[in-house]
Amino acid sequence: MEWIARNKLGIPHILHILDDFLMIGESTQAYKAKLQRSLLFCGYIGVLTAPKKTQGPSPELTLAGTELDCLKFEDRLPQEKVDRY
């Protein structure tokens, strides 16, 4: 799916880890357009998406179980995981 997104959907800044995808846009408008193309494609081929996990655009988000904070340049565990361990 990453290859299709890059080469056929025009989403060059995409990364996937297992079943998580990270897309980066040049602007909020560009990101929203890329997200819409991606979601339409997933619907077309029958890939289920999780609306609750679909985020953005945002400088803070959760990817692969960690919280990425672009404003503080941090990658941290969510508080519930810290409390559990």
C-alpha atoms as a PDB file:
ATOM      1  CA  MET A   1       0.000   0.000   0.000  1.00  0.00           C
ATOM      2  CA  GLU A   2       2.891   2.349   0.658  1.00  0.00           C
ATOM      3  CA  TRP A   3       4.165   1.801  -2.899  1.00  0.00           C
ATOM      4  CA  ILE A   4       0.708   2.491  -4.340  1.00  0.00           C
ATOM      5  CA  ALA A   5       0.364   5.647  -2.247  1.00  0.00           C
ATOM      6  CA  ARG A   6       3.755   6.934  -3.417  1.00  0.00           C
ATOM      7  CA  ASN A   7       3.591   5.973  -7.059  1.00  0.00           C
ATOM      8  CA  LYS A   8      -0.094   6.001  -7.969  1.00  0.00           C
ATOM      9  CA  LEU A   9      -1.812   8.332  -5.501  1.00  0.00           C
ATOM     10  CA  GLY A  10       0.873  11.035  -5.473  1.00  0.00           C
ATOM     11  CA  ILE A  11       1.662  10.797  -1.744  1.00  0.00           C
ATOM     12  CA  PRO A  12       5.476  10.868  -1.632  1.00  0.00           C
ATOM     13  CA  HIS A  13       5.850  11.496   2.114  1.00  0.00           C
ATOM     14  CA  ILE A  14       4.320   8.343   3.570  1.00  0.00           C
ATOM     15  CA  LEU A  15       5.694   5.782   5.998  1.00  0.00           C
ATOM     16  CA  HIS A  16       4.118   2.605   7.273  1.00  0.00           C
ATOM     17  CA  ILE A  17       4.969   0.408  10.239  1.00  0.00           C
ATOM     18  CA  LEU A  18       2.876  -2.771  10.381  1.00  0.00           C
ATOM     19  CA  ASP A  19      -0.674  -1.391  10.093  1.00  0.00           C
ATOM     20  CA  ASP A  20       0.093   2.244  10.987  1.00  0.00           C
ATOM     21  CA  PHE A  21       0.628   4.881   8.313  1.00  0.00           C
ATOM     22  CA  LEU A  22       2.169   8.340   8.663  1.00  0.00           C
ATOM     23  CA  MET A  23       1.622  10.908   5.913  1.00  0.00           C
ATOM     24  CA  ILE A  24       3.242  14.321   5.860  1.00  0.00           C
ATOM     25  CA  GLY A  25       1.910  17.222   3.814  1.00  0.00           C
ATOM     26  CA  GLU A  26       3.483  20.483   2.788  1.00  0.00           C
ATOM     27  CA  SER A  27       0.490  22.316   4.244  1.00  0.00           C
ATOM     28  CA  THR A  28      -2.778  21.557   6.009  1.00  0.00           C
ATOM     29  CA  GLN A  29      -4.602  21.718   2.685  1.00  0.00           C
ATOM     30  CA  ALA A  30      -2.127  19.360   0.998  1.00  0.00           C
ATOM     31  CA  TYR A  31      -2.320  16.901   3.886  1.00  0.00           C
ATOM     32  CA  LYS A  32      -6.125  16.842   3.860  1.00  0.00           C
ATOM     33  CA  ALA A  33      -6.149  16.186   0.098  1.00  0.00           C
ATOM     34  CA  LYS A  34      -3.662  13.314   0.491  1.00  0.00           C
ATOM     35  CA  LEU A  35      -5.609  11.835   3.384  1.00  0.00           C
ATOM     36  CA  GLN A  36      -8.832  11.999   1.369  1.00  0.00           C
ATOM     37  CA  ARG A  37      -7.180  10.236  -1.611  1.00  0.00           C
ATOM     38  CA  SER A  38      -5.817   7.566   0.700  1.00  0.00           C
ATOM     39  CA  LEU A  39      -9.147   6.945   2.433  1.00  0.00           C
ATOM     40  CA  LEU A  40     -11.014   6.799  -0.883  1.00  0.00           C
ATOM     41  CA  PHE A  41      -8.520   4.256  -2.214  1.00  0.00           C
ATOM     42  CA  CYS A  42      -8.791   2.131   0.935  1.00  0.00           C
ATOM     43  CA  GLY A  43     -12.568   2.147   0.606  1.00  0.00           C
ATOM     44  CA  TYR A  44     -12.344   1.235  -3.071  1.00  0.00           C
ATOM     45  CA  ILE A  45     -10.176  -1.848  -2.479  1.00  0.00           C
ATOM     46  CA  GLY A  46     -11.931  -2.868   0.750  1.00  0.00           C
ATOM     47  CA  VAL A  47      -9.244  -2.012   3.306  1.00  0.00           C
ATOM     48  CA  LEU A  48     -10.850  -1.237   6.648  1.00  0.00           C
ATOM     49  CA  THR A  49      -9.781   1.993   8.315  1.00  0.00           C
ATOM     50  CA  ALA A  50     -10.202   3.070  11.935  1.00  0.00           C
ATOM     51  CA  PRO A  51     -11.811   6.529  11.992  1.00  0.00           C
ATOM     52  CA  LYS A  52     -10.967   6.879  15.706  1.00  0.00           C
ATOM     53  CA  LYS A  53      -7.269   6.373  14.919  1.00  0.00           C
ATOM     54  CA  THR A  54      -7.246   8.622  11.849  1.00  0.00           C
ATOM     55  CA  GLN A  55      -5.746  11.918  12.987  1.00  0.00           C
ATOM     56  CA  GLY A  56      -4.431  15.086  11.584  1.00  0.00           C
ATOM     57  CA  PRO A  57      -3.147  17.315  10.619  1.00  0.00           C
ATOM     58  CA  SER A  58      -1.485  17.746  13.980  1.00  0.00           C
ATOM     59  CA  PRO A  59       2.014  18.379  15.372  1.00  0.00           C
ATOM     60  CA  GLU A  60       1.287  15.674  18.004  1.00  0.00           C
ATOM     61  CA  LEU A  61       0.105  12.172  17.158  1.00  0.00           C
ATOM     62  CA  THR A  62       0.390   8.533  18.112  1.00  0.00           C
ATOM     63  CA  LEU A  63       2.261   6.183  15.778  1.00  0.00           C
ATOM     64  CA  ALA A  64       3.223   2.577  16.505  1.00  0.00           C
ATOM     65  CA  GLY A  65       2.315   2.924  20.170  1.00  0.00           C
ATOM     66  CA  THR A  66       4.386   6.035  20.873  1.00  0.00           C
ATOM     67  CA  GLU A  67       3.495   9.711  20.936  1.00  0.00           C
ATOM     68  CA  LEU A  68       5.342  11.891  18.450  1.00  0.00           C
ATOM     69  CA  ASP A  69       5.581  15.579  19.333  1.00  0.00           C
ATOM     70  CA  CYS A  70       7.022  17.716  16.541  1.00  0.00           C
ATOM     71  CA  LEU A  71       6.919  20.896  18.630  1.00  0.00           C
ATOM     72  CA  LYS A  72       9.054  19.469  21.460  1.00  0.00           C
ATOM     73  CA  PHE A  73      11.013  17.081  19.190  1.00  0.00           C
ATOM     74  CA  GLU A  74      10.011  14.190  21.444  1.00  0.00           C
ATOM     75  CA  ASP A  75       8.977  10.589  21.018  1.00  0.00           C
ATOM     76  CA  ARG A  76       7.488   9.293  24.262  1.00  0.00           C
ATOM     77  CA  LEU A  77       5.367   6.499  25.650  1.00  0.00           C
ATOM     78  CA  PRO A  78       1.714   7.342  26.351  1.00  0.00           C
ATOM     79  CA  GLN A  79       1.069   7.955  30.075  1.00  0.00           C
ATOM     80  CA  GLU A  80      -1.088   4.829  30.441  1.00  0.00           C
ATOM     81  CA  LYS A  81       1.856   2.678  29.299  1.00  0.00           C
ATOM     82  CA  VAL A  82       4.204   4.448  31.732  1.00  0.00           C
ATOM     83  CA  ASP A  83       1.728   3.883  34.582  1.00  0.00           C
ATOM     84  CA  ARG A  84       1.290   0.217  33.656  1.00  0.00           C
ATOM     85  CA  TYR A  85       5.039  -0.503  33.744  1.00  0.00           C
END
